[in-house]
């Protein structure tokens, strides 16, 4: 869910900090002028003061650096922990991605306009696999948005445990456990997301990634069936539930956008204990259809499935012939990278094509 900065009143904190630096700079400049220093020397001293205060090369009116913003906001989290709102634990994530999302593809490998056409009369995109069934509500999302979600998961910084209403972004959980609610969170900029994905930052790419984060914050996934041992006491979790992918609060300063991103309890649980590994260095070398194929196969050590079944799971809009071309290219690339061994059986006429192989 996208929200305003109620979490720690981030913008107020940042603006107050900028005002404090401006006042300190004005006092210093006045004192230096009274002591007879030239304007040129005063300017040098002012630049040094800004650097000491954590602004680097930016001016007070354009805001602070990312590191300064992150430092102030993390201090607020530490203060909230001291008050007993939650327990704060720092950690370094790996390449984890929720298994249920890897198996139930909700990110079609297509353009947003085509993804929008996949919506039903209730403006939802249905999905139905052996691992889960449900609908996706909110703005149309594609593989590009999944790249954004993978980056956010890979940039997680803290885990918070406590009462759901005391979290920086108050939340709720459908997990029927008596243990404290656990969420994951991070502070991040668009530039850091682009760097993590090995993309160039700035220009139209900045606006596109910014819009992607905001889209993810407005997506809801409704599960009417979910086979997952980690959610619910039974393996087959049959109760219809709706979850968010992320909760987001934003501060936009000049040309930069600063986010507080919070992974809700269900997402945090999956990232902790029910996940697949998605290697971004491999994923980045694939087409959008190849990325979805790689993700689906990442959940299995051995694979043996009809290619038509795989095509349906990817939610691609490609014809069978075009999909087979994409599949052959993706598998050839994955094998060349040492990720798997494979073969495609059948002739596609009297014998349906079947993909068989194993991870290496």
Protein backbone atom coordinates (compact mmCIF):
# COMPACT_ATOMS: atom_id res chain seq x y z
CA UNK A 1 0.00 0.00 0.00
CA UNK A 2 1.37 3.41 -0.94
CA UNK A 3 1.07 5.87 1.95
CA UNK A 4 2.09 9.36 2.91
CA UNK A 5 5.03 9.75 5.26
CA UNK A 6 3.22 8.98 8.50
CA UNK A 7 5.85 6.38 9.38
CA UNK A 8 8.30 8.73 11.10
CA UNK A 9 7.17 11.99 9.56
CA UNK A 10 10.22 11.60 7.38
CA UNK A 11 9.76 14.73 5.34
CA UNK A 12 9.30 16.90 8.42
CA UNK A 13 12.45 15.43 9.92
CA UNK A 14 14.45 16.04 6.75
CA UNK A 15 13.17 19.57 6.28
CA UNK A 16 13.89 20.41 9.92
CA UNK A 17 17.41 19.08 9.47
CA UNK A 18 17.93 21.17 6.34
CA UNK A 19 16.66 24.28 8.14
CA UNK A 20 19.02 23.60 11.03
CA UNK A 21 21.98 23.38 8.63
CA UNK A 22 20.91 26.58 6.85
CA UNK A 23 20.73 28.49 10.12
CA UNK A 24 24.11 27.15 11.24
CA UNK A 25 25.63 28.15 7.91
CA UNK A 26 24.19 31.66 8.10
CA UNK A 27 25.56 32.16 11.62
CA UNK A 28 28.98 30.91 10.57
CA UNK A 29 29.07 33.17 7.50
CA UNK A 30 28.05 36.19 9.60
CA UNK A 31 30.76 35.51 12.18
CA UNK A 32 33.40 35.06 9.48
CA UNK A 33 32.34 38.33 7.81
CA UNK A 34 32.62 40.21 11.10
CA UNK A 35 36.15 38.82 11.49
CA UNK A 36 37.18 40.30 8.15
CA UNK A 37 37.30 37.20 5.95
CA UNK A 38 36.75 37.68 2.20
CA UNK A 39 33.61 36.29 0.48
CA UNK A 40 35.74 33.70 -1.33
CA UNK A 41 37.12 32.28 1.93
CA UNK A 42 33.67 32.39 3.52
CA UNK A 43 32.34 30.32 0.61
CA UNK A 44 35.07 27.72 1.15
CA UNK A 45 34.23 27.49 4.86
CA UNK A 46 30.53 27.13 4.01
CA UNK A 47 31.21 24.23 1.64
CA UNK A 48 33.28 22.55 4.35
CA UNK A 49 30.45 23.01 6.87
CA UNK A 50 27.96 21.39 4.50
CA UNK A 51 30.27 18.41 4.06
CA UNK A 52 30.67 18.04 7.84
CA UNK A 53 26.89 18.16 8.28
CA UNK A 54 26.44 15.31 5.80
CA UNK A 55 25.28 17.16 2.71
CA UNK A 56 28.33 16.52 0.54
CA UNK A 57 28.24 18.55 -2.64
CA UNK A 58 24.53 19.33 -2.55
CA UNK A 59 23.14 22.59 -1.28
CA UNK A 60 20.79 22.83 1.71
CA UNK A 61 17.91 23.94 -0.45
CA UNK A 62 18.11 20.75 -2.53
CA UNK A 63 18.09 18.45 0.47
CA UNK A 64 20.53 16.00 1.97
CA UNK A 65 22.35 13.04 0.52
CA UNK A 66 20.83 9.60 0.60
CA UNK A 67 23.20 8.49 3.34
CA UNK A 68 22.10 11.42 5.51
CA UNK A 69 18.43 10.63 4.91
CA UNK A 70 18.96 6.95 5.69
CA UNK A 71 20.92 7.77 8.83
CA UNK A 72 18.21 10.07 10.20
CA UNK A 73 15.43 7.60 9.41
CA UNK A 74 17.27 4.64 10.89
CA UNK A 75 17.87 6.67 14.05
CA UNK A 76 14.11 7.07 14.24
CA UNK A 77 13.68 3.29 13.99
CA UNK A 78 16.22 2.82 16.80
CA UNK A 79 14.31 5.34 18.90
CA UNK A 80 11.03 3.54 18.21
CA UNK A 81 12.67 0.28 19.30
CA UNK A 82 13.88 1.95 22.50
CA UNK A 83 10.29 2.96 23.22
CA UNK A 84 9.20 -0.66 22.84
CA UNK A 85 7.28 -0.40 19.55
CA UNK A 86 9.18 -3.33 18.02
CA UNK A 87 12.43 -5.27 18.03
CA UNK A 88 14.91 -4.19 15.33
CA UNK A 89 17.36 -6.62 13.71
CA UNK A 90 19.72 -5.78 10.85
CA UNK A 91 20.50 -8.47 8.28
CA UNK A 92 22.00 -8.99 4.83
CA UNK A 93 19.59 -10.64 2.36
CA UNK A 94 20.48 -13.11 -0.35
CA UNK A 95 18.67 -13.79 -3.63
CA UNK A 96 15.49 -15.04 -1.94
CA UNK A 97 12.15 -14.74 -3.71
CA UNK A 98 8.82 -16.09 -2.37
CA UNK A 99 8.24 -19.60 -3.72
CA UNK A 100 4.52 -19.01 -4.20
CA UNK A 101 5.20 -15.96 -6.42
CA UNK A 102 7.86 -17.85 -8.37
CA UNK A 103 5.36 -20.62 -9.11
CA UNK A 104 2.21 -18.52 -9.56
CA UNK A 105 3.37 -15.99 -12.12
CA UNK A 106 1.52 -12.69 -11.69
CA UNK A 107 3.98 -10.67 -13.80
CA UNK A 108 3.22 -11.27 -17.49
CA UNK A 109 6.17 -10.96 -19.91
CA UNK A 110 4.51 -8.29 -22.01
CA UNK A 111 3.81 -4.56 -22.29
CA UNK A 112 1.62 -2.80 -19.69
CA UNK A 113 -1.07 -2.13 -22.31
CA UNK A 114 -1.37 -5.85 -23.07
CA UNK A 115 -1.25 -6.71 -19.36
CA UNK A 116 -4.19 -4.34 -18.89
CA UNK A 117 -6.15 -6.30 -21.52
CA UNK A 118 -5.72 -9.46 -19.39
CA UNK A 119 -8.03 -7.95 -16.76
CA UNK A 120 -11.54 -9.32 -16.29
CA UNK A 121 -14.75 -7.37 -15.68
CA UNK A 122 -13.72 -6.74 -12.07
CA UNK A 123 -10.39 -5.31 -13.26
CA UNK A 124 -8.45 -8.25 -11.83
CA UNK A 125 -6.03 -10.67 -13.49
CA UNK A 126 -6.87 -14.28 -12.58
CA UNK A 127 -4.23 -16.99 -12.17
CA UNK A 128 -4.64 -20.72 -11.60
CA UNK A 129 -1.79 -23.18 -11.13
CA UNK A 130 -1.19 -26.38 -9.20
CA UNK A 131 0.43 -24.28 -6.47
CA UNK A 132 -2.16 -21.56 -6.09
CA UNK A 133 -5.21 -19.84 -7.47
CA UNK A 134 -6.47 -16.30 -7.18
CA UNK A 135 -6.60 -12.83 -8.68
CA UNK A 136 -4.36 -9.78 -8.87
CA UNK A 137 -5.93 -6.37 -8.25
CA UNK A 138 -4.45 -2.96 -8.91
CA UNK A 139 -2.49 -1.41 -11.77
CA UNK A 140 -1.25 -3.73 -14.55
CA UNK A 141 2.17 -5.16 -13.68
CA UNK A 142 4.76 -6.86 -15.88
CA UNK A 143 8.19 -8.49 -15.70
CA UNK A 144 9.69 -5.00 -15.40
CA UNK A 145 7.85 -4.57 -12.09
CA UNK A 146 9.05 -7.98 -10.92
CA UNK A 147 12.62 -6.79 -11.55
CA UNK A 148 11.84 -3.87 -9.23
CA UNK A 149 10.43 -6.23 -6.58
CA UNK A 150 13.51 -8.47 -6.81
CA UNK A 151 15.75 -5.44 -6.30
CA UNK A 152 13.78 -4.30 -3.26
CA UNK A 153 13.99 -7.81 -1.80
CA UNK A 154 17.73 -7.85 -2.42
CA UNK A 155 18.19 -4.46 -0.74
CA UNK A 156 16.32 -5.27 2.50
CA UNK A 157 18.09 -3.92 5.59
CA UNK A 158 16.07 -4.56 8.75
CA UNK A 159 13.57 -6.97 10.26
CA UNK A 160 11.03 -5.57 12.75
CA UNK A 161 9.10 -7.73 15.20
CA UNK A 162 6.23 -6.47 17.34
CA UNK A 163 2.56 -5.62 17.30
CA UNK A 164 1.29 -4.97 13.74
CA UNK A 165 -0.29 -1.60 14.62
CA UNK A 166 3.03 -0.34 16.05
CA UNK A 167 5.03 -0.85 12.86
CA UNK A 168 6.29 2.26 10.99
CA UNK A 169 3.53 1.51 8.47
CA UNK A 170 0.76 -0.14 10.55
CA UNK A 171 -0.06 -3.52 9.08
CA UNK A 172 -2.16 -6.63 9.62
CA UNK A 173 -1.46 -10.32 9.17
CA UNK A 174 -3.46 -13.37 8.14
CA UNK A 175 -0.78 -15.69 9.52
CA UNK A 176 -2.50 -17.68 12.31
CA UNK A 177 0.46 -17.63 14.63
CA UNK A 178 0.67 -16.26 18.15
CA UNK A 179 4.23 -15.04 17.63
CA UNK A 180 4.98 -11.31 17.13
CA UNK A 181 4.32 -9.84 13.69
CA UNK A 182 7.49 -9.69 11.60
CA UNK A 183 8.11 -7.38 8.65
CA UNK A 184 11.17 -6.53 6.56
CA UNK A 185 12.04 -2.95 5.60
CA UNK A 186 14.52 -0.74 3.81
CA UNK A 187 15.26 2.86 2.89
CA UNK A 188 16.21 3.22 -0.76
CA UNK A 189 16.35 5.58 -3.74
CA UNK A 190 15.56 4.96 -7.40
CA UNK A 191 19.28 5.33 -8.18
CA UNK A 192 20.11 2.52 -5.74
CA UNK A 193 17.47 0.26 -7.30
CA UNK A 194 18.85 0.91 -10.78
CA UNK A 195 22.41 0.26 -9.59
CA UNK A 196 21.35 -3.04 -8.00
CA UNK A 197 19.74 -4.08 -11.30
CA UNK A 198 22.84 -2.90 -13.20
CA UNK A 199 20.81 -0.32 -15.11
CA UNK A 200 21.71 3.25 -15.97
CA UNK A 201 20.09 5.80 -13.67
CA UNK A 202 18.53 9.13 -14.56
CA UNK A 203 16.31 10.42 -17.34
CA UNK A 204 13.24 8.49 -18.41
CA UNK A 205 14.56 5.37 -16.65
CA UNK A 206 14.27 7.17 -13.30
CA UNK A 207 10.62 8.08 -13.90
CA UNK A 208 9.80 4.58 -15.10
CA UNK A 209 11.34 2.89 -12.04
CA UNK A 210 9.68 5.41 -9.71
CA UNK A 211 6.31 4.57 -11.26
CA UNK A 212 7.10 0.87 -10.87
CA UNK A 213 7.67 1.15 -7.11
CA UNK A 214 4.42 3.05 -6.75
CA UNK A 215 2.57 0.42 -8.81
CA UNK A 216 3.86 -2.38 -6.60
CA UNK A 217 2.63 -0.48 -3.57
CA UNK A 218 -0.90 -0.51 -5.00
CA UNK A 219 -1.07 -4.19 -5.97
CA UNK A 220 -3.20 -6.68 -4.00
CA UNK A 221 -3.02 -10.43 -4.51
CA UNK A 222 -6.06 -12.46 -3.54
CA UNK A 223 -5.45 -16.16 -2.95
CA UNK A 224 -8.51 -18.42 -3.00
CA UNK A 225 -6.20 -21.45 -2.81
CA UNK A 226 -2.58 -21.70 -1.76
CA UNK A 227 -0.41 -24.78 -1.28
CA UNK A 228 2.15 -23.54 1.19
CA UNK A 229 3.30 -25.14 4.43
CA UNK A 230 4.41 -21.82 5.90
CA UNK A 231 1.01 -20.11 5.79
CA UNK A 232 -1.62 -21.78 7.93
CA UNK A 233 -1.34 -24.98 9.93
CA UNK A 234 -2.44 -27.19 7.04
CA UNK A 235 -0.45 -27.65 3.86
CA UNK A 236 -3.40 -26.57 1.76
CA UNK A 237 -4.41 -23.10 2.92
CA UNK A 238 -7.98 -22.79 1.63
CA UNK A 239 -9.17 -19.57 3.23
CA UNK A 240 -9.43 -16.68 0.76
CA UNK A 241 -6.95 -14.01 1.76
CA UNK A 242 -5.64 -10.81 0.20
CA UNK A 243 -2.09 -9.58 0.71
CA UNK A 244 0.05 -6.65 -0.38
CA UNK A 245 3.42 -7.13 -2.06
CA UNK A 246 4.93 -4.07 -0.35
CA UNK A 247 3.86 -1.02 1.61
CA UNK A 248 5.52 2.21 0.51
CA UNK A 249 6.00 5.75 1.78
CA UNK A 250 7.85 8.28 -0.37
CA UNK A 251 9.71 11.56 -0.14
CA UNK A 252 10.55 13.27 -3.43
CA UNK A 253 13.40 15.76 -3.21
CA UNK A 254 14.39 17.50 -6.45
CA UNK A 255 15.33 14.85 -8.99
CA UNK A 256 15.58 12.04 -6.43
CA UNK A 257 12.91 9.91 -4.78
CA UNK A 258 13.51 8.37 -1.38
CA UNK A 259 11.40 5.40 -0.26
CA UNK A 260 10.62 3.62 2.96
CA UNK A 261 9.56 0.14 1.81
CA UNK A 262 8.03 -2.39 4.17
CA UNK A 263 7.42 -6.04 3.24
CA UNK A 264 4.17 -7.17 4.94
CA UNK A 265 4.14 -10.18 7.32
CA UNK A 266 3.22 -12.76 4.67
CA UNK A 267 5.94 -11.58 2.30
CA UNK A 268 8.45 -11.46 5.16
CA UNK A 269 7.54 -15.01 6.17
CA UNK A 270 7.99 -16.32 2.63
CA UNK A 271 11.31 -14.48 2.25
CA UNK A 272 12.45 -16.00 5.56
CA UNK A 273 11.33 -19.58 5.14
CA UNK A 274 9.57 -20.43 1.86
CA UNK A 275 11.62 -19.12 -1.02
CA UNK A 276 13.42 -19.86 -4.25
CA UNK A 277 16.70 -18.27 -5.32
CA UNK A 278 16.64 -15.99 -8.37
CA UNK A 279 20.11 -15.24 -9.72
CA UNK A 280 19.87 -11.68 -11.07
CA UNK A 281 23.18 -11.91 -12.95
CA UNK A 282 21.64 -14.72 -15.01
CA UNK A 283 18.19 -13.15 -15.18
CA UNK A 284 19.61 -9.89 -16.55
CA UNK A 285 20.90 -11.74 -19.61
CA UNK A 286 17.46 -13.03 -20.61
CA UNK A 287 14.47 -11.62 -22.45
CA UNK A 288 11.24 -10.99 -20.55
CA UNK A 289 9.88 -14.41 -21.56
CA UNK A 290 13.23 -15.96 -20.69
CA UNK A 291 13.10 -14.34 -17.24
CA UNK A 292 9.75 -15.95 -16.46
CA UNK A 293 10.93 -19.35 -17.74
CA UNK A 294 14.07 -19.06 -15.59
CA UNK A 295 12.00 -18.09 -12.54
CA UNK A 296 9.57 -20.99 -12.92
CA UNK A 297 12.38 -23.51 -13.40
CA UNK A 298 14.27 -22.05 -10.41
CA UNK A 299 11.69 -23.68 -8.15
CA UNK A 300 12.64 -27.18 -9.33
CA UNK A 301 15.86 -29.21 -9.27
CA UNK A 302 14.54 -31.42 -12.08
CA UNK A 303 11.96 -30.49 -14.68
CA UNK A 304 9.76 -32.61 -16.90
CA UNK A 305 6.78 -30.77 -18.38
CA UNK A 306 5.00 -30.20 -21.64
CA UNK A 307 6.05 -26.91 -23.21
CA UNK A 308 2.41 -25.92 -23.66
CA UNK A 309 1.92 -26.19 -19.90
CA UNK A 310 4.98 -24.00 -19.40
CA UNK A 311 3.62 -21.47 -21.92
CA UNK A 312 0.35 -21.23 -19.95
CA UNK A 313 2.22 -20.80 -16.66
CA UNK A 314 4.25 -17.87 -18.02
CA UNK A 315 1.05 -15.98 -19.00
CA UNK A 316 2.77 -14.92 -22.20
CA UNK A 317 0.76 -13.59 -25.14
CA UNK A 318 3.07 -15.28 -27.66
CA UNK A 319 1.85 -17.88 -30.15
CA UNK A 320 3.01 -21.49 -29.65
CA UNK A 321 5.55 -21.14 -32.45
CA UNK A 322 6.97 -17.87 -31.14
CA UNK A 323 7.06 -19.20 -27.57
CA UNK A 324 9.04 -22.26 -28.69
CA UNK A 325 11.59 -19.92 -30.26
CA UNK A 326 11.86 -17.97 -27.00
CA UNK A 327 12.06 -21.18 -24.97
CA UNK A 328 14.86 -22.66 -27.10
CA UNK A 329 16.83 -19.40 -26.94
CA UNK A 330 16.37 -19.11 -23.15
CA UNK A 331 17.33 -22.73 -22.45
CA UNK A 332 20.37 -22.48 -24.72
CA UNK A 333 21.50 -19.38 -22.83
CA UNK A 334 20.87 -20.99 -19.43
CA UNK A 335 22.84 -24.08 -20.41
CA UNK A 336 25.73 -21.97 -21.73
CA UNK A 337 25.86 -20.20 -18.36
CA UNK A 338 26.16 -23.56 -16.59
CA UNK A 339 22.75 -23.21 -14.94
CA UNK A 340 21.13 -26.37 -16.31
CA UNK A 341 21.21 -29.32 -18.70
CA UNK A 342 18.12 -29.87 -20.85
CA UNK A 343 16.49 -31.43 -23.86
CA UNK A 344 13.26 -30.73 -25.72
CA UNK A 345 11.54 -33.93 -26.76
CA UNK A 346 8.76 -34.49 -29.31
CA UNK A 347 8.09 -33.00 -32.73
CA UNK A 348 5.22 -30.70 -31.76
CA UNK A 349 2.80 -32.59 -34.02
CA UNK A 350 2.16 -36.25 -33.34
CA UNK A 351 4.23 -35.95 -30.16
CA UNK A 352 3.81 -32.79 -28.02
CA UNK A 353 6.98 -30.94 -27.13
CA UNK A 354 8.25 -31.70 -23.64
CA UNK A 355 11.01 -29.94 -21.72
CA UNK A 356 13.17 -32.25 -19.60
CA UNK A 357 16.33 -31.49 -17.68
CA UNK A 358 17.94 -30.68 -14.37
CA UNK A 359 19.68 -27.87 -12.57
CA UNK A 360 23.46 -28.09 -12.42
